Amino acid sequence: MSTVDYIAIAAVALILGAAIRHLVLAKKRGEKCIGCPYAKECGGNCGNSKNSTKNK
């Protein structure tokens, strides 16, 4: 394996680690729907059809 391979592996590991860290910290903050712009306010009903804006 060359140096470029090690750099690519390190970059992927860094991105994966940052994503996992973001998920863990968001769950500790109490967010139910991580990635939703209303994560703390929606109450975890982001996927329900009756609360969806598509059906209104």
N, C-alpha and C. Protein backbone atom coordinates (compact mmCIF):
# COMPACT_ATOMS: atom_id res chain seq x y z
N MET A 1 0.85 -1.19 0.00
CA MET A 1 0.00 0.00 0.00
C MET A 1 0.88 1.23 0.00
N SER A 2 0.46 2.21 -0.78
CA SER A 2 1.25 3.43 -0.89
C SER A 2 0.77 4.48 0.11
N THR A 3 1.46 5.57 0.13
CA THR A 3 1.13 6.66 1.03
C THR A 3 -0.25 7.24 0.71
N VAL A 4 -0.61 7.29 -0.54
CA VAL A 4 -1.91 7.80 -0.95
C VAL A 4 -3.03 6.94 -0.37
N ASP A 5 -2.82 5.64 -0.34
CA ASP A 5 -3.82 4.74 0.24
C ASP A 5 -4.02 5.03 1.73
N TYR A 6 -2.93 5.24 2.45
CA TYR A 6 -3.03 5.54 3.88
C TYR A 6 -3.73 6.88 4.11
N ILE A 7 -3.47 7.85 3.26
CA ILE A 7 -4.12 9.15 3.40
C ILE A 7 -5.62 9.02 3.13
N ALA A 8 -5.99 8.25 2.13
CA ALA A 8 -7.40 8.05 1.81
C ALA A 8 -8.12 7.32 2.94
N ILE A 9 -7.49 6.31 3.50
CA ILE A 9 -8.08 5.57 4.62
C ILE A 9 -8.25 6.49 5.83
N ALA A 10 -7.26 7.32 6.09
CA ALA A 10 -7.33 8.26 7.22
C ALA A 10 -8.45 9.27 7.01
N ALA A 11 -8.62 9.75 5.78
CA ALA A 11 -9.67 10.72 5.50
C ALA A 11 -11.06 10.10 5.69
N VAL A 12 -11.25 8.89 5.21
CA VAL A 12 -12.53 8.21 5.38
C VAL A 12 -12.80 7.95 6.86
N ALA A 13 -11.79 7.54 7.59
CA ALA A 13 -11.95 7.29 9.03
C ALA A 13 -12.29 8.58 9.77
N LEU A 14 -11.68 9.68 9.38
CA LEU A 14 -11.96 10.97 10.01
C LEU A 14 -13.40 11.41 9.74
N ILE A 15 -13.86 11.27 8.52
CA ILE A 15 -15.24 11.65 8.18
C ILE A 15 -16.23 10.76 8.91
N LEU A 16 -15.98 9.47 8.94
CA LEU A 16 -16.86 8.54 9.64
C LEU A 16 -16.89 8.83 11.14
N GLY A 17 -15.75 9.11 11.71
CA GLY A 17 -15.69 9.45 13.14
C GLY A 17 -16.45 10.73 13.46
N ALA A 18 -16.34 11.72 12.59
CA ALA A 18 -17.06 12.98 12.81
C ALA A 18 -18.56 12.77 12.71
N ALA A 19 -19.01 11.93 11.79
CA ALA A 19 -20.43 11.66 11.65
C ALA A 19 -20.98 10.93 12.88
N ILE A 20 -20.24 9.96 13.36
CA ILE A 20 -20.66 9.22 14.55
C ILE A 20 -20.70 10.14 15.77
N ARG A 21 -19.71 11.00 15.88
CA ARG A 21 -19.66 11.95 17.00
C ARG A 21 -20.87 12.89 16.94
N HIS A 22 -21.22 13.35 15.75
CA HIS A 22 -22.38 14.22 15.61
C HIS A 22 -23.66 13.51 16.05
N LEU A 23 -23.83 12.25 15.65
CA LEU A 23 -25.01 11.50 16.04
C LEU A 23 -25.10 11.30 17.54
N VAL A 24 -23.98 10.96 18.17
CA VAL A 24 -23.97 10.72 19.61
C VAL A 24 -24.29 12.00 20.37
N LEU A 25 -23.67 13.11 19.98
CA LEU A 25 -23.92 14.37 20.68
C LEU A 25 -25.35 14.86 20.46
N ALA A 26 -25.90 14.65 19.29
CA ALA A 26 -27.28 15.06 19.03
C ALA A 26 -28.25 14.24 19.89
N LYS A 27 -28.00 12.96 20.02
CA LYS A 27 -28.86 12.13 20.88
C LYS A 27 -28.75 12.56 22.34
N LYS A 28 -27.56 12.96 22.78
CA LYS A 28 -27.40 13.42 24.16
C LYS A 28 -28.14 14.73 24.40
N ARG A 29 -28.26 15.55 23.35
CA ARG A 29 -29.00 16.82 23.47
C ARG A 29 -30.50 16.58 23.47
N GLY A 30 -30.93 15.39 23.16
CA GLY A 30 -32.35 15.07 23.19
C GLY A 30 -33.05 15.18 21.86
N GLU A 31 -32.32 15.30 20.78
CA GLU A 31 -32.94 15.37 19.47
C GLU A 31 -33.47 14.00 19.09
N LYS A 32 -34.71 13.96 18.63
CA LYS A 32 -35.32 12.68 18.26
C LYS A 32 -35.11 12.38 16.78
N CYS A 33 -35.20 13.41 15.96
CA CYS A 33 -35.04 13.25 14.51
C CYS A 33 -33.78 13.99 14.09
N ILE A 34 -32.67 13.34 14.12
CA ILE A 34 -31.40 13.98 13.79
C ILE A 34 -31.39 14.29 12.30
N GLY A 35 -31.08 15.52 11.98
CA GLY A 35 -31.08 15.95 10.59
C GLY A 35 -32.31 16.74 10.23
N CYS A 36 -33.34 16.64 11.05
CA CYS A 36 -34.57 17.40 10.83
C CYS A 36 -34.33 18.83 11.33
N PRO A 37 -34.75 19.85 10.58
CA PRO A 37 -34.53 21.22 11.05
C PRO A 37 -35.33 21.55 12.32
N TYR A 38 -36.34 20.76 12.63
CA TYR A 38 -37.15 20.97 13.84
C TYR A 38 -36.91 19.85 14.84
N ALA A 39 -35.69 19.39 14.97
CA ALA A 39 -35.36 18.18 15.72
C ALA A 39 -35.83 18.23 17.16
N LYS A 40 -35.70 19.36 17.83
CA LYS A 40 -36.12 19.42 19.22
C LYS A 40 -37.58 19.80 19.38
N GLU A 41 -38.20 20.31 18.35
CA GLU A 41 -39.55 20.84 18.48
C GLU A 41 -40.64 19.92 17.95
N CYS A 42 -40.30 18.98 17.10
CA CYS A 42 -41.33 18.20 16.43
C CYS A 42 -41.86 17.06 17.30
N GLY A 43 -41.14 16.65 18.29
CA GLY A 43 -41.60 15.57 19.16
C GLY A 43 -41.40 14.19 18.57
N GLY A 44 -40.62 14.07 17.54
CA GLY A 44 -40.32 12.77 16.96
C GLY A 44 -41.33 12.28 15.96
N ASN A 45 -42.21 13.15 15.47
CA ASN A 45 -43.25 12.75 14.53
C ASN A 45 -42.92 13.17 13.10
N CYS A 46 -41.69 13.29 12.77
CA CYS A 46 -41.29 13.78 11.45
C CYS A 46 -41.76 12.86 10.34
N GLY A 47 -41.80 11.58 10.54
CA GLY A 47 -42.15 10.64 9.49
C GLY A 47 -43.63 10.32 9.40
N ASN A 48 -44.42 10.78 10.35
CA ASN A 48 -45.86 10.47 10.32
C ASN A 48 -46.54 11.19 9.18
N SER A 49 -47.46 10.51 8.53
CA SER A 49 -48.13 11.09 7.37
C SER A 49 -49.07 12.22 7.76
N LYS A 50 -49.65 12.19 8.95
CA LYS A 50 -50.58 13.26 9.31
C LYS A 50 -49.86 14.56 9.67
N ASN A 51 -48.56 14.51 9.98
CA ASN A 51 -47.80 15.70 10.27
C ASN A 51 -46.95 16.15 9.09
N SER A 52 -46.99 15.42 8.02
CA SER A 52 -46.17 15.73 6.86
C SER A 52 -46.76 16.89 6.09
N THR A 53 -45.91 17.76 5.57
CA THR A 53 -46.38 18.90 4.78
C THR A 53 -46.77 18.49 3.38
N LYS A 54 -46.36 17.30 2.94
CA LYS A 54 -46.70 16.84 1.61
C LYS A 54 -48.19 16.55 1.47
N ASN A 55 -48.83 16.13 2.56
CA ASN A 55 -50.23 15.75 2.51
C ASN A 55 -51.18 16.90 2.81
N LYS A 56 -50.66 18.06 3.13
CA LYS A 56 -51.52 19.20 3.51
C LYS A 56 -51.87 20.02 2.30
